[in-house]
Amino acid sequence: MSIEDTNKDNLEKFKSQRESIYQHMRRYGINRDDIVALRRLYETYPPYSFPHVNIASEELLNPGEHYRIEVDSFVITMIVPDAPANIGSWIWPYTETIKPDLEMQKLILRENGKLKLAALSWNQCKSTFQLNFLKDCKTHGLSIIYRILKPQEQLEFSTPEKLRQLSRKIMRDQIIPPEKVEDAIRSGQILNGSDSKIYLDSEIVVINGRIWIRDAMDSDSDRIFYYKTRLSKDRMLGLSFGLPTYNYNANPDPSNHPAAIKRAAALMEELISSLRIARVDNDNTPDPFAIERVAPASLPAP
């Protein structure tokens, strides 16, 4: 057997074993044992090996159920919407950073304490006409990031007001002064982000008993909403949601947007309003971002 045939045979075995694990999760639900089995499978088939295992949620979850992500002592849940998910809508259902194994320690160090928990997107087109008009009907994704805060960062995340001030500074730092843009144009340079504008200034909002900082940026092709909250003294959660590609600087008013963008905005509201964060080991540690302790959304019946 040639090397090419051997590689093809190994790939087919990998796909078959992966599908077997997915079939088990479809029947019994997403669980730690199957995620461990996936990690072991990936480790036997380089280059797939990765200690932080993600799964294709569109293959496992149905509309009306909930994404469920367990990270350290927190459980994050959010509704699975009744919208066509794009292939590769990933979630990382289990993450351990308090007592990580050696491979996770290496990953955390390599990623500078920043780990993905979700990377989801949905198609909002209803016709090929809209696709031609918008160029891209996909939402630019709902991304959830979990980050370990360095000691020197912790004060800026210690209260909602301090985090709001930090978020405002981050947004303003992204705005390139007009004179720099003009200088770049005269010299024939391209400045990435030169079209960035603040659409929604940083504000404090409450979602299911937890305080978040929300803001949004516009550009000639994007409108992205950002949500941030602190989970504990040295852990924070960030969420972003990008609307489909469109010139938002030229068309800032949502009432004039195409139907696909309006559907995407409604989808974002549905997702955000269902977002819950529950603490498993509720040790009554003071949390300035928690107005009310909540339970995670219920699991689907097996």
C-alpha atoms as a PDB file:
ATOM      1  CA  MET A   1       0.000   0.000   0.000  1.00  0.00           C
ATOM      2  CA  SER A   2       1.376   3.440  -0.973  1.00  0.00           C
ATOM      3  CA  ILE A   3       1.802   6.315   1.510  1.00  0.00           C
ATOM      4  CA  GLU A   4      -1.071   8.107  -0.219  1.00  0.00           C
ATOM      5  CA  ASP A   5      -3.350   5.079   0.207  1.00  0.00           C
ATOM      6  CA  THR A   6      -2.296   4.705   3.845  1.00  0.00           C
ATOM      7  CA  ASN A   7      -3.046   8.365   4.579  1.00  0.00           C
ATOM      8  CA  LYS A   8      -6.416   8.075   2.857  1.00  0.00           C
ATOM      9  CA  ASP A   9      -7.232   4.948   4.860  1.00  0.00           C
ATOM     10  CA  ASN A  10      -6.215   6.640   8.119  1.00  0.00           C
ATOM     11  CA  LEU A  11      -8.367   9.659   7.301  1.00  0.00           C
ATOM     12  CA  GLU A  12     -11.381   7.441   6.623  1.00  0.00           C
ATOM     13  CA  LYS A  13     -10.844   5.670   9.960  1.00  0.00           C
ATOM     14  CA  PHE A  14     -10.572   9.032  11.718  1.00  0.00           C
ATOM     15  CA  LYS A  15     -13.831  10.265  10.139  1.00  0.00           C
ATOM     16  CA  SER A  16     -15.621   7.021  11.026  1.00  0.00           C
ATOM     17  CA  GLN A  17     -14.505   7.125  14.659  1.00  0.00           C
ATOM     18  CA  ARG A  18     -15.359  10.814  14.946  1.00  0.00           C
ATOM     19  CA  GLU A  19     -18.825  10.185  13.509  1.00  0.00           C
ATOM     20  CA  SER A  20     -19.354   7.355  16.014  1.00  0.00           C
ATOM     21  CA  ILE A  21     -18.660   9.748  18.895  1.00  0.00           C
ATOM     22  CA  TYR A  22     -20.966  12.360  17.368  1.00  0.00           C
ATOM     23  CA  GLN A  23     -23.715   9.770  16.989  1.00  0.00           C
ATOM     24  CA  HIS A  24     -23.387   8.953  20.693  1.00  0.00           C
ATOM     25  CA  MET A  25     -23.713  12.653  21.599  1.00  0.00           C
ATOM     26  CA  ARG A  26     -26.750  13.036  19.339  1.00  0.00           C
ATOM     27  CA  ARG A  27     -28.436  10.233  21.245  1.00  0.00           C
ATOM     28  CA  TYR A  28     -27.291  10.941  24.813  1.00  0.00           C
ATOM     29  CA  GLY A  29     -26.277  14.594  24.734  1.00  0.00           C
ATOM     30  CA  ILE A  30     -22.941  16.369  24.833  1.00  0.00           C
ATOM     31  CA  ASN A  31     -20.932  15.052  27.777  1.00  0.00           C
ATOM     32  CA  ARG A  32     -17.419  15.065  29.198  1.00  0.00           C
ATOM     33  CA  ASP A  33     -16.688  11.427  28.365  1.00  0.00           C
ATOM     34  CA  ASP A  34     -17.336  11.947  24.664  1.00  0.00           C
ATOM     35  CA  ILE A  35     -15.281  15.148  24.609  1.00  0.00           C
ATOM     36  CA  VAL A  36     -12.397  13.249  26.231  1.00  0.00           C
ATOM     37  CA  ALA A  37     -12.846  10.526  23.603  1.00  0.00           C
ATOM     38  CA  LEU A  38     -12.623  13.155  20.852  1.00  0.00           C
ATOM     39  CA  ARG A  39      -9.443  14.563  22.355  1.00  0.00           C
ATOM     40  CA  ARG A  40      -7.875  11.099  22.495  1.00  0.00           C
ATOM     41  CA  LEU A  41      -8.944  10.492  18.903  1.00  0.00           C
ATOM     42  CA  TYR A  42      -7.389  13.766  17.751  1.00  0.00           C
ATOM     43  CA  GLU A  43      -4.156  12.905  19.558  1.00  0.00           C
ATOM     44  CA  THR A  44      -3.803   9.722  17.521  1.00  0.00           C
ATOM     45  CA  TYR A  45      -4.275  11.525  14.189  1.00  0.00           C
ATOM     46  CA  PRO A  46      -1.880  14.478  13.835  1.00  0.00           C
ATOM     47  CA  PRO A  47      -2.212  17.287  12.876  1.00  0.00           C
ATOM     48  CA  TYR A  48      -5.678  17.298  14.504  1.00  0.00           C
ATOM     49  CA  SER A  49      -4.272  17.098  18.039  1.00  0.00           C
ATOM     50  CA  PHE A  50      -5.453  19.963  20.233  1.00  0.00           C
ATOM     51  CA  PRO A  51      -6.161  19.802  23.984  1.00  0.00           C
ATOM     52  CA  HIS A  52      -9.003  22.330  23.857  1.00  0.00           C
ATOM     53  CA  VAL A  53     -11.679  20.341  22.021  1.00  0.00           C
ATOM     54  CA  ASN A  54     -14.384  22.032  19.970  1.00  0.00           C
ATOM     55  CA  ILE A  55     -17.461  20.469  18.384  1.00  0.00           C
ATOM     56  CA  ALA A  56     -19.653  21.375  15.417  1.00  0.00           C
ATOM     57  CA  SER A  57     -22.815  22.529  17.177  1.00  0.00           C
ATOM     58  CA  GLU A  58     -24.879  22.510  13.973  1.00  0.00           C
ATOM     59  CA  GLU A  59     -24.462  18.714  13.870  1.00  0.00           C
ATOM     60  CA  LEU A  60     -25.587  18.159  17.466  1.00  0.00           C
ATOM     61  CA  LEU A  61     -28.050  20.798  18.649  1.00  0.00           C
ATOM     62  CA  ASN A  62     -31.579  21.651  17.527  1.00  0.00           C
ATOM     63  CA  PRO A  63     -33.441  24.990  17.576  1.00  0.00           C
ATOM     64  CA  GLY A  64     -34.990  25.647  20.976  1.00  0.00           C
ATOM     65  CA  GLU A  65     -32.274  23.730  22.826  1.00  0.00           C
ATOM     66  CA  HIS A  66     -29.377  25.535  24.472  1.00  0.00           C
ATOM     67  CA  TYR A  67     -25.694  25.892  23.900  1.00  0.00           C
ATOM     68  CA  ARG A  68     -24.083  24.869  27.185  1.00  0.00           C
ATOM     69  CA  ILE A  69     -20.480  25.745  27.939  1.00  0.00           C
ATOM     70  CA  GLU A  70     -18.783  24.820  31.195  1.00  0.00           C
ATOM     71  CA  VAL A  71     -15.641  26.770  32.016  1.00  0.00           C
ATOM     72  CA  ASP A  72     -13.970  26.417  35.398  1.00  0.00           C
ATOM     73  CA  SER A  73     -16.766  26.978  37.952  1.00  0.00           C
ATOM     74  CA  PHE A  74     -19.141  28.709  35.500  1.00  0.00           C
ATOM     75  CA  VAL A  75     -21.889  27.432  33.204  1.00  0.00           C
ATOM     76  CA  ILE A  76     -22.805  29.597  30.207  1.00  0.00           C
ATOM     77  CA  THR A  77     -26.065  28.846  28.395  1.00  0.00           C
ATOM     78  CA  MET A  78     -27.709  30.462  25.370  1.00  0.00           C
ATOM     79  CA  ILE A  79     -30.630  29.536  23.128  1.00  0.00           C
ATOM     80  CA  VAL A  80     -30.045  27.679  19.864  1.00  0.00           C
ATOM     81  CA  PRO A  81     -31.974  29.887  17.416  1.00  0.00           C
ATOM     82  CA  ASP A  82     -34.279  28.716  14.660  1.00  0.00           C
ATOM     83  CA  ALA A  83     -31.932  29.942  11.929  1.00  0.00           C
ATOM     84  CA  PRO A  84     -29.703  28.067   9.460  1.00  0.00           C
ATOM     85  CA  ALA A  85     -26.299  27.700  11.107  1.00  0.00           C
ATOM     86  CA  ASN A  86     -23.267  27.793   8.855  1.00  0.00           C
ATOM     87  CA  ILE A  87     -20.961  24.778   8.699  1.00  0.00           C
ATOM     88  CA  GLY A  88     -18.335  25.025  11.414  1.00  0.00           C
ATOM     89  CA  SER A  89     -20.391  26.732  14.119  1.00  0.00           C
ATOM     90  CA  TRP A  90     -18.124  25.695  16.943  1.00  0.00           C
ATOM     91  CA  ILE A  91     -18.449  25.539  20.698  1.00  0.00           C
ATOM     92  CA  TRP A  92     -15.827  24.440  23.218  1.00  0.00           C
ATOM     93  CA  PRO A  93     -18.124  22.774  25.790  1.00  0.00           C
ATOM     94  CA  TYR A  94     -15.580  22.108  28.566  1.00  0.00           C
ATOM     95  CA  THR A  95     -12.659  24.309  29.572  1.00  0.00           C
ATOM     96  CA  GLU A  96     -10.442  23.975  32.630  1.00  0.00           C
ATOM     97  CA  THR A  97      -7.954  26.721  33.514  1.00  0.00           C
ATOM     98  CA  ILE A  98      -7.824  26.442  37.323  1.00  0.00           C
ATOM     99  CA  LYS A  99      -6.158  23.017  37.358  1.00  0.00           C
ATOM    100  CA  PRO A 100      -5.299  22.386  33.701  1.00  0.00           C
ATOM    101  CA  ASP A 101      -3.312  19.375  32.562  1.00  0.00           C
ATOM    102  CA  LEU A 102       0.121  19.892  31.029  1.00  0.00           C
ATOM    103  CA  GLU A 103      -1.085  20.295  27.430  1.00  0.00           C
ATOM    104  CA  MET A 104      -3.738  22.830  28.468  1.00  0.00           C
ATOM    105  CA  GLN A 105      -1.107  24.727  30.464  1.00  0.00           C
ATOM    106  CA  LYS A 106       0.989  25.001  27.307  1.00  0.00           C
ATOM    107  CA  LEU A 107      -2.030  26.172  25.312  1.00  0.00           C
ATOM    108  CA  ILE A 108      -3.012  28.792  27.906  1.00  0.00           C
ATOM    109  CA  LEU A 109       0.554  30.123  27.892  1.00  0.00           C
ATOM    110  CA  ARG A 110       0.707  30.131  24.096  1.00  0.00           C
ATOM    111  CA  GLU A 111      -2.629  31.955  23.825  1.00  0.00           C
ATOM    112  CA  ASN A 112      -1.659  34.457  26.524  1.00  0.00           C
ATOM    113  CA  GLY A 113      -4.562  33.350  28.733  1.00  0.00           C
ATOM    114  CA  LYS A 114      -7.211  33.897  26.026  1.00  0.00           C
ATOM    115  CA  LEU A 115      -9.398  30.936  25.028  1.00  0.00           C
ATOM    116  CA  LYS A 116     -12.287  30.589  22.590  1.00  0.00           C
ATOM    117  CA  LEU A 117     -15.567  29.207  23.937  1.00  0.00           C
ATOM    118  CA  ALA A 118     -17.788  29.734  20.882  1.00  0.00           C
ATOM    119  CA  ALA A 119     -17.501  30.733  17.209  1.00  0.00           C
ATOM    120  CA  LEU A 120     -20.983  30.646  15.670  1.00  0.00           C
ATOM    121  CA  SER A 121     -22.589  32.089  12.549  1.00  0.00           C
ATOM    122  CA  TRP A 122     -25.884  31.899  10.671  1.00  0.00           C
ATOM    123  CA  ASN A 123     -27.068  32.619   7.149  1.00  0.00           C
ATOM    124  CA  GLN A 124     -29.725  35.324   6.950  1.00  0.00           C
ATOM    125  CA  CYS A 125     -30.484  35.348   3.199  1.00  0.00           C
ATOM    126  CA  LYS A 126     -33.881  34.258   1.959  1.00  0.00           C
ATOM    127  CA  SER A 127     -33.052  34.569  -1.761  1.00  0.00           C
ATOM    128  CA  THR A 128     -30.145  34.798  -4.190  1.00  0.00           C
ATOM    129  CA  PHE A 129     -31.251  38.378  -4.965  1.00  0.00           C
ATOM    130  CA  GLN A 130     -30.388  39.411  -1.415  1.00  0.00           C
ATOM    131  CA  LEU A 131     -27.073  37.599  -1.645  1.00  0.00           C
ATOM    132  CA  ASN A 132     -26.139  39.599  -4.760  1.00  0.00           C
ATOM    133  CA  PHE A 133     -27.259  42.826  -3.093  1.00  0.00           C
ATOM    134  CA  LEU A 134     -25.410  42.266   0.189  1.00  0.00           C
ATOM    135  CA  LYS A 135     -22.487  40.165  -1.129  1.00  0.00           C
ATOM    136  CA  ASP A 136     -22.553  38.189   2.129  1.00  0.00           C
ATOM    137  CA  CYS A 137     -25.615  37.206   4.149  1.00  0.00           C
ATOM    138  CA  LYS A 138     -23.712  35.440   6.889  1.00  0.00           C
ATOM    139  CA  THR A 139     -23.560  37.068  10.279  1.00  0.00           C
ATOM    140  CA  HIS A 140     -19.946  37.789  11.050  1.00  0.00           C
ATOM    141  CA  GLY A 141     -20.250  35.445  13.924  1.00  0.00           C
ATOM    142  CA  LEU A 142     -20.991  35.311  17.572  1.00  0.00           C
ATOM    143  CA  SER A 143     -17.672  34.838  19.312  1.00  0.00           C
ATOM    144  CA  ILE A 144     -17.224  34.146  23.028  1.00  0.00           C
ATOM    145  CA  ILE A 145     -13.773  34.565  24.573  1.00  0.00           C
ATOM    146  CA  TYR A 146     -12.708  33.634  28.114  1.00  0.00           C
ATOM    147  CA  ARG A 147      -9.635  35.408  29.414  1.00  0.00           C
ATOM    148  CA  ILE A 148      -7.365  35.102  32.419  1.00  0.00           C
ATOM    149  CA  LEU A 149      -6.617  38.580  33.719  1.00  0.00           C
ATOM    150  CA  LYS A 150      -3.066  39.507  34.584  1.00  0.00           C
ATOM    151  CA  PRO A 151      -2.545  41.060  38.055  1.00  0.00           C
ATOM    152  CA  GLN A 152      -1.936  44.497  36.516  1.00  0.00           C
ATOM    153  CA  GLU A 153      -5.264  44.285  34.625  1.00  0.00           C
ATOM    154  CA  GLN A 154      -7.495  43.298  37.514  1.00  0.00           C
ATOM    155  CA  LEU A 155      -8.186  46.782  38.884  1.00  0.00           C
ATOM    156  CA  GLU A 156      -9.579  47.961  35.528  1.00  0.00           C
ATOM    157  CA  PHE A 157     -12.076  45.068  35.623  1.00  0.00           C
ATOM    158  CA  SER A 158     -12.939  45.361  39.328  1.00  0.00           C
ATOM    159  CA  THR A 159     -16.248  47.263  38.980  1.00  0.00           C
ATOM    160  CA  PRO A 160     -18.753  47.846  36.163  1.00  0.00           C
ATOM    161  CA  GLU A 161     -17.886  51.551  35.991  1.00  0.00           C
ATOM    162  CA  LYS A 162     -14.149  50.907  35.750  1.00  0.00           C
ATOM    163  CA  LEU A 163     -14.730  48.345  33.010  1.00  0.00           C
ATOM    164  CA  ARG A 164     -16.988  50.808  31.167  1.00  0.00           C
ATOM    165  CA  GLN A 165     -14.214  53.412  31.276  1.00  0.00           C
ATOM    166  CA  LEU A 166     -11.698  50.857  29.996  1.00  0.00           C
ATOM    167  CA  SER A 167     -14.023  49.844  27.179  1.00  0.00           C
ATOM    168  CA  ARG A 168     -14.537  53.485  26.155  1.00  0.00           C
ATOM    169  CA  LYS A 169     -10.773  53.972  26.011  1.00  0.00           C
ATOM    170  CA  ILE A 170     -10.311  50.831  23.904  1.00  0.00           C
ATOM    171  CA  MET A 171     -12.928  52.058  21.423  1.00  0.00           C
ATOM    172  CA  ARG A 172     -11.465  55.538  21.162  1.00  0.00           C
ATOM    173  CA  ASP A 173      -7.989  54.127  20.649  1.00  0.00           C
ATOM    174  CA  GLN A 174      -9.323  52.398  17.514  1.00  0.00           C
ATOM    175  CA  ILE A 175     -10.321  55.704  15.922  1.00  0.00           C
ATOM    176  CA  ILE A 176      -7.571  57.010  13.647  1.00  0.00           C
ATOM    177  CA  PRO A 177      -7.373  60.843  13.612  1.00  0.00           C
ATOM    178  CA  PRO A 178      -8.453  62.395  10.264  1.00  0.00           C
ATOM    179  CA  GLU A 179      -5.061  64.039   9.739  1.00  0.00           C
ATOM    180  CA  LYS A 180      -3.333  60.626   9.870  1.00  0.00           C
ATOM    181  CA  VAL A 181      -5.827  59.226   7.372  1.00  0.00           C
ATOM    182  CA  GLU A 182      -5.202  62.175   5.034  1.00  0.00           C
ATOM    183  CA  ASP A 183      -1.423  61.772   5.346  1.00  0.00           C
ATOM    184  CA  ALA A 184      -1.735  58.067   4.509  1.00  0.00           C
ATOM    185  CA  ILE A 185      -3.873  58.814   1.431  1.00  0.00           C
ATOM    186  CA  ARG A 186      -1.352  61.391   0.168  1.00  0.00           C
ATOM    187  CA  SER A 187       1.511  58.926   0.612  1.00  0.00           C
ATOM    188  CA  GLY A 188      -0.402  56.061  -1.009  1.00  0.00           C
ATOM    189  CA  GLN A 189      -0.576  53.987   2.172  1.00  0.00           C
ATOM    190  CA  ILE A 190      -3.530  51.922   3.392  1.00  0.00           C
ATOM    191  CA  LEU A 191      -4.494  52.317   7.038  1.00  0.00           C
ATOM    192  CA  ASN A 192      -6.459  49.363   8.373  1.00  0.00           C
ATOM    193  CA  GLY A 193      -9.313  50.609  10.547  1.00  0.00           C
ATOM    194  CA  SER A 194      -9.293  54.110   9.062  1.00  0.00           C
ATOM    195  CA  ASP A 195     -13.047  53.804   8.462  1.00  0.00           C
ATOM    196  CA  SER A 196     -13.885  52.801  12.055  1.00  0.00           C
ATOM    197  CA  LYS A 197     -16.558  54.827  13.846  1.00  0.00           C
ATOM    198  CA  ILE A 198     -18.294  54.445  17.197  1.00  0.00           C
ATOM    199  CA  TYR A 199     -21.915  53.401  16.661  1.00  0.00           C
ATOM    200  CA  LEU A 200     -22.852  52.743  20.287  1.00  0.00           C
ATOM    201  CA  ASP A 201     -20.806  54.230  23.104  1.00  0.00           C
ATOM    202  CA  SER A 202     -19.931  52.028  26.071  1.00  0.00           C
ATOM    203  CA  GLU A 203     -22.869  51.549  28.417  1.00  0.00           C
ATOM    204  CA  ILE A 204     -23.861  49.347  31.334  1.00  0.00           C
ATOM    205  CA  VAL A 205     -26.637  46.819  30.653  1.00  0.00           C
ATOM    206  CA  VAL A 206     -28.122  43.970  32.690  1.00  0.00           C
ATOM    207  CA  ILE A 207     -28.747  40.579  31.091  1.00  0.00           C
ATOM    208  CA  ASN A 208     -30.389  37.886  33.225  1.00  0.00           C
ATOM    209  CA  GLY A 209     -29.039  39.163  36.510  1.00  0.00           C
ATOM    210  CA  ARG A 210     -25.520  40.009  35.319  1.00  0.00           C
ATOM    211  CA  ILE A 211     -23.992  43.375  34.464  1.00  0.00           C
ATOM    212  CA  TRP A 212     -22.287  43.679  31.076  1.00  0.00           C
ATOM    213  CA  ILE A 213     -20.596  46.540  29.253  1.00  0.00           C
ATOM    214  CA  ARG A 214     -21.994  46.927  25.734  1.00  0.00           C
ATOM    215  CA  ASP A 215     -20.736  49.006  22.808  1.00  0.00           C
ATOM    216  CA  ALA A 216     -20.524  48.802  19.022  1.00  0.00           C
ATOM    217  CA  MET A 217     -18.285  49.908  16.164  1.00  0.00           C
ATOM    218  CA  ASP A 218     -19.131  50.690  12.537  1.00  0.00           C
ATOM    219  CA  SER A 219     -17.011  50.582   9.399  1.00  0.00           C
ATOM    220  CA  ASP A 220     -17.552  50.589   5.640  1.00  0.00           C
ATOM    221  CA  SER A 221     -18.261  46.843   5.830  1.00  0.00           C
ATOM    222  CA  ASP A 222     -19.035  45.896   9.462  1.00  0.00           C
ATOM    223  CA  ARG A 223     -21.170  46.642  12.477  1.00  0.00           C
ATOM    224  CA  ILE A 224     -19.897  44.708  15.482  1.00  0.00           C
ATOM    225  CA  PHE A 225     -21.425  44.698  18.959  1.00  0.00           C
ATOM    226  CA  TYR A 226     -19.240  43.915  21.969  1.00  0.00           C
ATOM    227  CA  TYR A 227     -20.232  42.683  25.428  1.00  0.00           C
ATOM    228  CA  LYS A 228     -17.850  42.318  28.388  1.00  0.00           C
ATOM    229  CA  THR A 229     -18.254  41.165  31.977  1.00  0.00           C
ATOM    230  CA  ARG A 230     -15.997  40.086  34.809  1.00  0.00           C
ATOM    231  CA  LEU A 231     -16.671  36.627  36.239  1.00  0.00           C
ATOM    232  CA  SER A 232     -14.193  36.655  39.113  1.00  0.00           C
ATOM    233  CA  LYS A 233     -11.178  38.634  40.274  1.00  0.00           C
ATOM    234  CA  ASP A 234      -8.961  37.180  37.535  1.00  0.00           C
ATOM    235  CA  ARG A 235     -11.401  35.943  34.884  1.00  0.00           C
ATOM    236  CA  MET A 236     -13.453  37.859  32.292  1.00  0.00           C
ATOM    237  CA  LEU A 237     -15.797  36.987  29.441  1.00  0.00           C
ATOM    238  CA  GLY A 238     -16.075  38.814  26.145  1.00  0.00           C
ATOM    239  CA  LEU A 239     -18.736  38.352  23.477  1.00  0.00           C
ATOM    240  CA  SER A 240     -18.956  39.905  20.028  1.00  0.00           C
ATOM    241  CA  PHE A 241     -21.599  39.736  17.314  1.00  0.00           C
ATOM    242  CA  GLY A 242     -21.049  41.000  13.777  1.00  0.00           C
ATOM    243  CA  LEU A 243     -23.904  41.834  11.416  1.00  0.00           C
ATOM    244  CA  PRO A 244     -23.641  40.841   7.714  1.00  0.00           C
ATOM    245  CA  THR A 245     -21.288  42.749   5.413  1.00  0.00           C
ATOM    246  CA  TYR A 246     -22.713  46.174   4.529  1.00  0.00           C
ATOM    247  CA  ASN A 247     -21.572  49.800   4.387  1.00  0.00           C
ATOM    248  CA  TYR A 248     -22.791  50.885   7.824  1.00  0.00           C
ATOM    249  CA  ASN A 249     -20.944  54.214   7.730  1.00  0.00           C
ATOM    250  CA  ALA A 250     -22.977  55.264   4.704  1.00  0.00           C
ATOM    251  CA  ASN A 251     -26.178  53.693   6.086  1.00  0.00           C
ATOM    252  CA  PRO A 252     -26.150  54.021   9.895  1.00  0.00           C
ATOM    253  CA  ASP A 253     -29.920  53.978  10.455  1.00  0.00           C
ATOM    254  CA  PRO A 254     -31.125  50.383  11.168  1.00  0.00           C
ATOM    255  CA  SER A 255     -34.625  51.160   9.882  1.00  0.00           C
ATOM    256  CA  ASN A 256     -33.205  51.507   6.353  1.00  0.00           C
ATOM    257  CA  HIS A 257     -31.182  48.288   6.368  1.00  0.00           C
ATOM    258  CA  PRO A 258     -31.963  45.311   4.106  1.00  0.00           C
ATOM    259  CA  ALA A 259     -34.222  42.587   5.514  1.00  0.00           C
ATOM    260  CA  ALA A 260     -31.338  40.145   6.010  1.00  0.00           C
ATOM    261  CA  ILE A 261     -29.571  42.609   8.314  1.00  0.00           C
ATOM    262  CA  LYS A 262     -32.761  43.274  10.231  1.00  0.00           C
ATOM    263  CA  ARG A 263     -33.166  39.510  10.727  1.00  0.00           C
ATOM    264  CA  ALA A 264     -29.557  39.289  11.925  1.00  0.00           C
ATOM    265  CA  ALA A 265     -30.167  42.107  14.425  1.00  0.00           C
ATOM    266  CA  ALA A 266     -33.281  40.329  15.724  1.00  0.00           C
ATOM    267  CA  LEU A 267     -31.274  37.112  15.968  1.00  0.00           C
ATOM    268  CA  MET A 268     -28.645  38.900  18.057  1.00  0.00           C
ATOM    269  CA  GLU A 269     -31.330  40.196  20.422  1.00  0.00           C
ATOM    270  CA  GLU A 270     -32.752  36.688  20.822  1.00  0.00           C
ATOM    271  CA  LEU A 271     -29.341  35.225  21.601  1.00  0.00           C
ATOM    272  CA  ILE A 272     -28.254  37.965  24.002  1.00  0.00           C
ATOM    273  CA  SER A 273     -31.549  38.009  25.893  1.00  0.00           C
ATOM    274  CA  SER A 274     -31.207  34.256  26.527  1.00  0.00           C
ATOM    275  CA  LEU A 275     -27.593  34.475  27.740  1.00  0.00           C
ATOM    276  CA  ARG A 276     -27.164  33.154  31.282  1.00  0.00           C
ATOM    277  CA  ILE A 277     -24.089  32.671  33.446  1.00  0.00           C
ATOM    278  CA  ALA A 278     -24.405  30.489  36.523  1.00  0.00           C
ATOM    279  CA  ARG A 279     -21.736  29.714  39.080  1.00  0.00           C
ATOM    280  CA  VAL A 280     -21.522  26.047  40.044  1.00  0.00           C
ATOM    281  CA  ASP A 281     -19.551  26.422  43.266  1.00  0.00           C
ATOM    282  CA  ASN A 282     -21.587  29.339  44.575  1.00  0.00           C
ATOM    283  CA  ASP A 283     -19.349  30.198  47.537  1.00  0.00           C
ATOM    284  CA  ASN A 284     -21.021  33.610  48.032  1.00  0.00           C
ATOM    285  CA  THR A 285     -17.872  35.465  47.008  1.00  0.00           C
ATOM    286  CA  PRO A 286     -18.858  39.117  46.400  1.00  0.00           C
ATOM    287  CA  ASP A 287     -19.413  39.758  42.715  1.00  0.00           C
ATOM    288  CA  PRO A 288     -20.027  43.407  41.730  1.00  0.00           C
ATOM    289  CA  PHE A 289     -21.246  42.232  38.316  1.00  0.00           C
ATOM    290  CA  ALA A 290     -23.921  39.838  39.639  1.00  0.00           C
ATOM    291  CA  ILE A 291     -27.211  41.465  40.566  1.00  0.00           C
ATOM    292  CA  GLU A 292     -28.998  38.138  40.854  1.00  0.00           C
ATOM    293  CA  ARG A 293     -27.728  34.557  40.974  1.00  0.00           C
ATOM    294  CA  VAL A 294     -29.324  32.485  38.210  1.00  0.00           C
ATOM    295  CA  ALA A 295     -29.497  28.811  37.294  1.00  0.00           C
ATOM    296  CA  PRO A 296     -28.350  27.623  33.849  1.00  0.00           C
ATOM    297  CA  ALA A 297     -30.946  26.852  31.196  1.00  0.00           C
ATOM    298  CA  SER A 298     -32.323  23.335  31.340  1.00  0.00           C
ATOM    299  CA  LEU A 299     -30.857  20.483  29.319  1.00  0.00           C
ATOM    300  CA  PRO A 300     -32.995  18.857  26.585  1.00  0.00           C
ATOM    301  CA  ALA A 301     -34.785  15.648  27.490  1.00  0.00           C
ATOM    302  CA  PRO A 302     -32.781  12.587  26.346  1.00  0.00           C
END
